[in-house]
């Protein structure tokens, strides 16, 4: 999600602007993550959404090295979306899309 040379705060500022323009809030948002199977943080990731009624989909890669996860959930604001992405980014081996 964040480029290797990019300042995270600048990225999140632009991302927030895009979220504000792209849809009405509160509204449904689709989170997408890829994680290495060996770093199974699925339970931890699920705990971040435990207060919400989220729809989960997961799919293993053909060689079972990665798992893609899609989470559709009602979010109250762009700030709430960004906070969850920042929290998830702390998990080793997870990539936010």
Protein backbone atom coordinates (compact mmCIF):
# COMPACT_ATOMS: atom_id res chain seq x y z
CA UNK A 1 0.00 0.00 0.00
CA UNK A 2 2.77 2.45 0.93
CA UNK A 3 5.69 2.77 -1.47
CA UNK A 4 9.14 2.08 -0.07
CA UNK A 5 10.30 5.69 -0.56
CA UNK A 6 7.08 7.34 0.56
CA UNK A 7 6.53 9.24 3.79
CA UNK A 8 3.71 7.36 5.60
CA UNK A 9 2.01 10.50 6.89
CA UNK A 10 1.94 12.07 3.42
CA UNK A 11 0.53 8.83 2.03
CA UNK A 12 -2.22 8.66 4.66
CA UNK A 13 -3.12 12.33 4.14
CA UNK A 14 -3.64 11.71 0.41
CA UNK A 15 -5.42 8.41 1.11
CA UNK A 16 -7.83 10.18 3.49
CA UNK A 17 -8.63 12.78 0.82
CA UNK A 18 -9.35 10.02 -1.71
CA UNK A 19 -11.60 8.22 0.76
CA UNK A 20 -13.53 11.42 1.50
CA UNK A 21 -14.15 11.99 -2.21
CA UNK A 22 -14.84 8.39 -3.21
CA UNK A 23 -17.86 7.59 -1.06
CA UNK A 24 -20.33 8.73 1.57
CA UNK A 25 -19.57 8.14 5.24
CA UNK A 26 -20.60 6.12 7.12
CA UNK A 27 -20.52 3.46 4.44
CA UNK A 28 -19.33 0.02 3.40
CA UNK A 29 -15.60 -0.31 2.84
CA UNK A 30 -13.65 -3.23 1.40
CA UNK A 31 -10.35 -3.96 3.11
CA UNK A 32 -7.92 -6.23 1.28
CA UNK A 33 -4.87 -7.90 2.76
CA UNK A 34 -2.36 -10.53 1.74
CA UNK A 35 -0.42 -12.40 4.37
CA UNK A 36 2.15 -15.12 4.34
CA UNK A 37 0.65 -18.39 5.49
CA UNK A 38 3.55 -18.90 7.89
CA UNK A 39 2.62 -15.66 9.70
CA UNK A 40 -0.95 -16.61 10.44
CA UNK A 41 -2.29 -13.43 11.98
CA UNK A 42 -5.87 -14.13 10.97
CA UNK A 43 -7.15 -14.25 14.56
CA UNK A 44 -5.41 -10.99 15.39
CA UNK A 45 -6.80 -9.35 12.27
CA UNK A 46 -10.28 -10.63 13.12
CA UNK A 47 -10.00 -9.11 16.58
CA UNK A 48 -9.59 -5.65 14.99
CA UNK A 49 -13.07 -6.02 13.50
CA UNK A 50 -14.80 -7.85 16.38
CA UNK A 51 -17.05 -4.88 17.22
CA UNK A 52 -18.36 -4.73 13.67
CA UNK A 53 -20.46 -7.00 11.49
CA UNK A 54 -17.84 -7.80 8.89
CA UNK A 55 -18.12 -10.10 5.90
CA UNK A 56 -14.93 -12.12 5.48
CA UNK A 57 -13.55 -13.93 2.46
CA UNK A 58 -10.20 -15.66 2.29
CA UNK A 59 -8.41 -17.57 -0.43
CA UNK A 60 -5.11 -19.41 -0.42
CA UNK A 61 -2.64 -18.97 -3.24
CA UNK A 62 -2.05 -21.92 -5.56
CA UNK A 63 1.15 -22.89 -3.72
CA UNK A 64 -0.39 -22.18 -0.29
CA UNK A 65 2.33 -19.64 0.56
CA UNK A 66 -0.07 -16.70 0.85
CA UNK A 67 -3.65 -16.05 1.90
CA UNK A 68 -5.68 -13.16 0.51
CA UNK A 69 -8.31 -11.71 2.80
CA UNK A 70 -11.19 -9.40 1.88
CA UNK A 71 -13.26 -7.76 4.60
CA UNK A 72 -16.41 -5.80 3.77
CA UNK A 73 -17.54 -3.75 6.73
CA UNK A 74 -19.46 -0.57 7.53
CA UNK A 75 -17.05 2.13 8.61
CA UNK A 76 -17.92 5.48 10.14
CA UNK A 77 -15.18 7.62 8.61
CA UNK A 78 -11.98 7.67 6.56
CA UNK A 79 -10.06 8.13 9.81
CA UNK A 80 -11.46 4.84 11.10
CA UNK A 81 -10.35 3.07 7.89
CA UNK A 82 -6.85 4.51 8.17
CA UNK A 83 -6.58 3.58 11.85
CA UNK A 84 -7.33 -0.05 11.02
CA UNK A 85 -4.83 -0.09 8.17
CA UNK A 86 -2.16 1.36 10.47
CA UNK A 87 -2.95 -1.24 13.13
CA UNK A 88 -2.81 -4.10 10.61
CA UNK A 89 0.48 -2.82 9.21
CA UNK A 90 2.13 -3.66 12.54
CA UNK A 91 1.57 -7.39 11.92
CA UNK A 92 4.61 -9.11 10.44
CA UNK A 93 4.14 -10.52 6.96
CA UNK A 94 0.89 -8.72 6.13
CA UNK A 95 0.43 -6.51 3.08
CA UNK A 96 -2.49 -4.09 2.78
CA UNK A 97 -3.83 -3.48 -0.70
